[in-house]
Protein backbone atom coordinates (compact mmCIF):
# COMPACT_ATOMS: atom_id res chain seq x y z
CA MET A 1 53.91 -36.44 -111.47
CA LEU A 2 54.50 -34.27 -108.42
CA ARG A 3 51.48 -33.89 -106.12
CA TYR A 4 50.97 -30.98 -103.77
CA PRO A 5 49.05 -31.10 -100.48
CA SER A 6 45.62 -29.55 -100.68
CA LEU A 7 42.81 -28.58 -98.35
CA LEU A 8 39.17 -29.10 -99.25
CA ALA A 9 36.60 -26.41 -98.36
CA VAL A 10 32.95 -27.24 -99.08
CA PRO A 11 29.72 -25.43 -98.15
CA ASP A 12 27.60 -26.89 -95.35
CA GLU A 13 24.53 -28.27 -97.11
CA ARG A 14 22.51 -28.24 -93.86
CA PHE A 15 22.08 -24.46 -94.05
CA HIS A 16 20.62 -22.10 -96.62
CA PRO A 17 23.27 -19.95 -98.30
CA ILE A 18 23.32 -16.24 -97.47
CA CYS A 19 23.47 -13.49 -100.10
CA HIS A 20 26.58 -11.32 -99.62
CA VAL A 21 24.78 -8.29 -101.13
CA CYS A 22 21.63 -8.03 -99.00
CA GLY A 23 22.33 -10.60 -96.24
CA SER A 24 19.11 -12.59 -96.72
CA LYS A 25 18.83 -16.38 -96.86
CA ALA A 26 18.49 -17.66 -100.39
CA GLN A 27 15.91 -20.30 -101.20
CA ARG A 28 17.33 -21.41 -104.55
CA ILE A 29 20.82 -22.50 -105.62
CA TYR A 30 21.66 -21.41 -109.15
CA ARG A 31 24.89 -23.39 -109.69
CA HIS A 32 27.74 -25.20 -107.92
CA ASP A 33 31.29 -24.15 -108.85
CA LYS A 34 34.83 -25.11 -107.84
CA ARG A 35 38.03 -23.12 -107.65
CA ALA A 36 41.61 -23.89 -106.63
CA LEU A 37 43.26 -21.20 -104.50
CA ARG A 38 47.00 -21.01 -103.96
CA ASP A 39 47.98 -20.60 -100.31
CA MET A 40 51.33 -19.75 -98.77
CA ASN A 41 54.11 -22.32 -98.90
CA LEU A 42 54.58 -24.67 -95.99
CA ARG A 43 58.36 -24.60 -96.03
CA PRO A 44 59.35 -25.89 -99.51
CA VAL A 45 55.91 -27.34 -100.27
CA ARG A 46 53.19 -25.51 -102.24
CA VAL A 47 49.74 -25.63 -100.64
CA TRP A 48 46.42 -25.40 -102.49
CA ILE A 49 42.86 -24.90 -101.20
CA ASN A 50 40.21 -26.61 -103.31
CA CYS A 51 37.05 -24.60 -102.71
CA SER A 52 33.52 -25.60 -103.70
CA TYR A 53 31.01 -22.77 -103.57
CA ARG A 54 27.43 -22.08 -104.59
CA LYS A 55 25.99 -19.35 -106.75
CA ILE A 56 22.54 -18.43 -105.53
CA ALA A 57 19.51 -16.77 -107.04
CA CYS A 58 18.58 -14.16 -104.42
CA GLU A 59 14.91 -13.24 -104.56
CA SER A 60 15.35 -10.26 -102.20
CA CYS A 61 17.78 -8.29 -104.36
CA ASN A 62 16.95 -10.12 -107.62
CA ARG A 63 20.56 -11.08 -108.45
CA ILE A 64 22.66 -14.16 -109.00
CA VAL A 65 25.59 -13.95 -106.56
CA VAL A 66 28.12 -16.15 -104.80
CA GLU A 67 27.03 -17.11 -101.31
CA ASP A 68 28.69 -15.37 -98.36
CA LEU A 69 31.85 -17.34 -97.58
CA GLY A 70 32.83 -15.93 -94.21
CA PHE A 71 35.90 -18.15 -93.87
CA PHE A 72 37.40 -16.62 -97.05
CA ASN A 73 37.86 -13.02 -95.95
CA LEU A 74 40.30 -11.91 -98.63
CA THR A 75 40.88 -8.40 -97.31
CA VAL A 76 42.60 -9.37 -94.06
CA VAL A 77 44.54 -12.58 -93.60
CA LEU A 78 46.20 -13.24 -90.25
CA ARG A 79 48.98 -15.77 -90.19
CA ILE A 80 51.23 -17.07 -87.45
CA VAL A 81 54.69 -17.51 -88.89
């Protein structure tokens, strides 16, 4: 079985998660989820990012949303090649 290198990204449990819709701190965590994200190759090797994230129940906007993950800005990715 061929194994690929992976990075692990987990939320910091010391802080309350922030709602990405209204920007307020959430007081209640609805669920913990995990996802594997494919990153760019590092030469011939495939790289994966294993991401744990929290879904929160936001009382301010009355929604269940994924917390704001600032380090995963998917619109702009800067890379040094």
